[in-house]
Amino acid sequence: MIIRFLKLSLFLTSFLFLTGFVPLPAVLGPAITVATSGNLAKATAQLVFDNEFKKKTGKSSLGYITEEVSKNNKENQINEDFKNLIEKRVKTVHQKLVDQNNEPKIIKDFKLLVENRVELTHQKLIKQKINQ
């Protein structure tokens, strides 16, 4: 009886490996499921799902999920780079504002004086144009 089982197992194994008729990874997953859980219905559903998924997408379910995860990782990396760029620019502008506010009082007063003179000169020029 054991010899008969071994012959049958050897025949089926050689059939799988030598003919290429049944793709091994497609059968290996459900076979492991049956061996570990003993649930034949679950293994059958897994096999049917994988076959239908491959027909519709042209990829195995694992390959498709791997591709989507890597695509999401690339998008997240781009978003992270953009976020870092924005943070860097905000820090730069903040530092410029802090430096500007920390200027000595004399420089600020001088700037105000110059701005007022420029404004007055501008107004005088406009009045002269109107009077001409």
Protein backbone atom coordinates (compact mmCIF):
# COMPACT_ATOMS: atom_id res chain seq x y z
CA MET A 1 0.00 0.00 0.00
CA ILE A 2 2.82 2.43 0.89
CA ILE A 3 4.71 1.56 -2.26
CA ARG A 4 1.60 2.22 -4.34
CA PHE A 5 1.18 5.64 -2.65
CA LEU A 6 4.84 6.49 -3.30
CA LYS A 7 4.54 5.51 -6.98
CA LEU A 8 1.43 7.66 -7.36
CA SER A 9 3.13 10.58 -5.59
CA LEU A 10 6.23 10.20 -7.77
CA PHE A 11 4.08 10.11 -10.91
CA LEU A 12 2.11 13.23 -9.96
CA THR A 13 5.23 15.10 -8.89
CA SER A 14 7.03 14.26 -12.11
CA PHE A 15 3.91 15.29 -14.04
CA LEU A 16 3.95 18.70 -12.37
CA PHE A 17 7.66 19.36 -12.80
CA LEU A 18 8.33 17.84 -16.20
CA THR A 19 5.31 18.76 -18.32
CA GLY A 20 4.80 22.35 -17.26
CA PHE A 21 1.07 21.73 -17.65
CA VAL A 22 0.15 23.17 -14.27
CA PRO A 23 1.95 26.28 -13.10
CA LEU A 24 3.53 25.33 -9.82
CA PRO A 25 3.12 28.61 -7.90
CA ALA A 26 -0.61 28.66 -8.69
CA VAL A 27 -1.06 25.22 -7.18
CA LEU A 28 1.49 25.53 -4.41
CA GLY A 29 -0.36 28.28 -2.49
CA PRO A 30 -3.67 26.42 -2.20
CA ALA A 31 -1.81 23.16 -1.47
CA ILE A 32 -0.12 24.81 1.49
CA THR A 33 -3.48 26.19 2.64
CA VAL A 34 -5.03 22.72 2.54
CA ALA A 35 -2.05 21.20 4.32
CA THR A 36 -1.99 23.79 7.13
CA SER A 37 -5.69 24.45 7.71
CA GLY A 38 -7.30 21.37 6.19
CA ASN A 39 -9.92 23.63 4.63
CA LEU A 40 -10.41 22.55 1.02
CA ALA A 41 -13.10 25.17 0.32
CA LYS A 42 -10.77 27.99 1.37
CA ALA A 43 -7.98 26.65 -0.86
CA THR A 44 -10.35 26.29 -3.81
CA ALA A 45 -11.63 29.83 -3.36
CA GLN A 46 -8.05 31.09 -3.21
CA LEU A 47 -7.16 29.27 -6.45
CA VAL A 48 -10.27 30.56 -8.26
CA PHE A 49 -9.66 34.12 -7.05
CA ASP A 50 -6.03 34.07 -8.19
CA ASN A 51 -6.96 32.72 -11.62
CA GLU A 52 -9.70 35.33 -12.16
CA PHE A 53 -7.43 38.09 -10.92
CA LYS A 54 -4.73 37.02 -13.37
CA LYS A 55 -7.24 36.95 -16.25
CA LYS A 56 -8.47 40.48 -15.51
CA THR A 57 -5.19 42.22 -14.69
CA GLY A 58 -2.63 40.02 -16.38
CA LYS A 59 -0.66 39.89 -13.14
CA SER A 60 -0.68 37.68 -10.11
CA SER A 61 -2.38 39.12 -7.05
CA LEU A 62 0.93 39.32 -5.18
CA GLY A 63 2.66 41.05 -8.10
CA TYR A 64 -0.19 43.54 -8.48
CA ILE A 65 -0.21 44.40 -4.77
CA THR A 66 3.58 44.77 -4.76
CA GLU A 67 3.39 47.15 -7.73
CA GLU A 68 0.67 49.27 -6.11
CA VAL A 69 2.57 49.49 -2.83
CA SER A 70 5.75 50.58 -4.60
CA LYS A 71 3.77 53.18 -6.58
CA ASN A 72 2.27 54.53 -3.34
CA ASN A 73 5.73 54.62 -1.77
CA LYS A 74 7.00 56.73 -4.69
CA GLU A 75 4.06 59.13 -4.32
CA ASN A 76 4.67 59.35 -0.58
CA GLN A 77 8.37 60.07 -1.22
CA ILE A 78 7.44 62.89 -3.61
CA ASN A 79 5.02 64.31 -1.04
CA GLU A 80 7.69 64.05 1.66
CA ASP A 81 10.24 65.86 -0.54
CA PHE A 82 7.70 68.62 -1.26
CA LYS A 83 6.91 68.96 2.44
CA ASN A 84 10.62 69.23 3.29
CA LEU A 85 11.10 71.90 0.61
CA ILE A 86 8.20 73.97 1.95
CA GLU A 87 9.44 73.65 5.53
CA LYS A 88 12.93 74.74 4.48
CA ARG A 89 11.59 77.81 2.68
CA VAL A 90 9.35 78.77 5.60
CA LYS A 91 12.33 78.54 7.96
CA THR A 92 14.41 80.72 5.61
CA VAL A 93 11.72 83.39 5.38
CA HIS A 94 11.15 83.27 9.13
CA GLN A 95 14.86 83.75 9.76
CA LYS A 96 14.94 86.74 7.38
CA LEU A 97 12.01 88.30 9.20
CA VAL A 98 13.65 87.74 12.58
CA ASP A 99 16.89 89.27 11.30
CA GLN A 100 15.00 92.22 9.89
CA ASN A 101 13.18 92.81 13.17
CA ASN A 102 16.44 92.60 15.10
CA GLU A 103 18.06 95.45 13.15
CA PRO A 104 19.19 98.35 15.31
CA LYS A 105 16.72 101.17 15.92
CA ILE A 106 18.86 103.66 14.03
CA ILE A 107 18.73 101.62 10.82
CA LYS A 108 14.95 101.27 11.09
CA ASP A 109 14.55 105.01 11.63
CA PHE A 110 16.84 105.74 8.70
CA LYS A 111 14.78 103.44 6.47
CA LEU A 112 11.58 105.18 7.54
CA LEU A 113 13.12 108.57 6.85
CA VAL A 114 14.25 107.51 3.39
CA GLU A 115 10.84 106.02 2.62
CA ASN A 116 9.10 109.23 3.71
CA ARG A 117 11.44 111.35 1.57
CA VAL A 118 10.84 109.14 -1.42
CA GLU A 119 7.09 109.39 -0.94
CA LEU A 120 7.20 113.19 -0.59
CA THR A 121 9.37 113.52 -3.66
CA HIS A 122 7.01 111.31 -5.60
CA GLN A 123 4.02 113.43 -4.57
CA LYS A 124 5.82 116.64 -5.57
CA LEU A 125 6.63 115.22 -8.98
CA ILE A 126 2.99 114.25 -9.49
CA LYS A 127 1.86 117.78 -8.52
CA GLN A 128 4.35 119.33 -10.92
CA LYS A 129 3.04 117.19 -13.77
CA ILE A 130 -0.51 118.20 -12.97
CA ASN A 131 0.40 121.94 -12.83
CA GLN A 132 2.22 121.87 -16.16
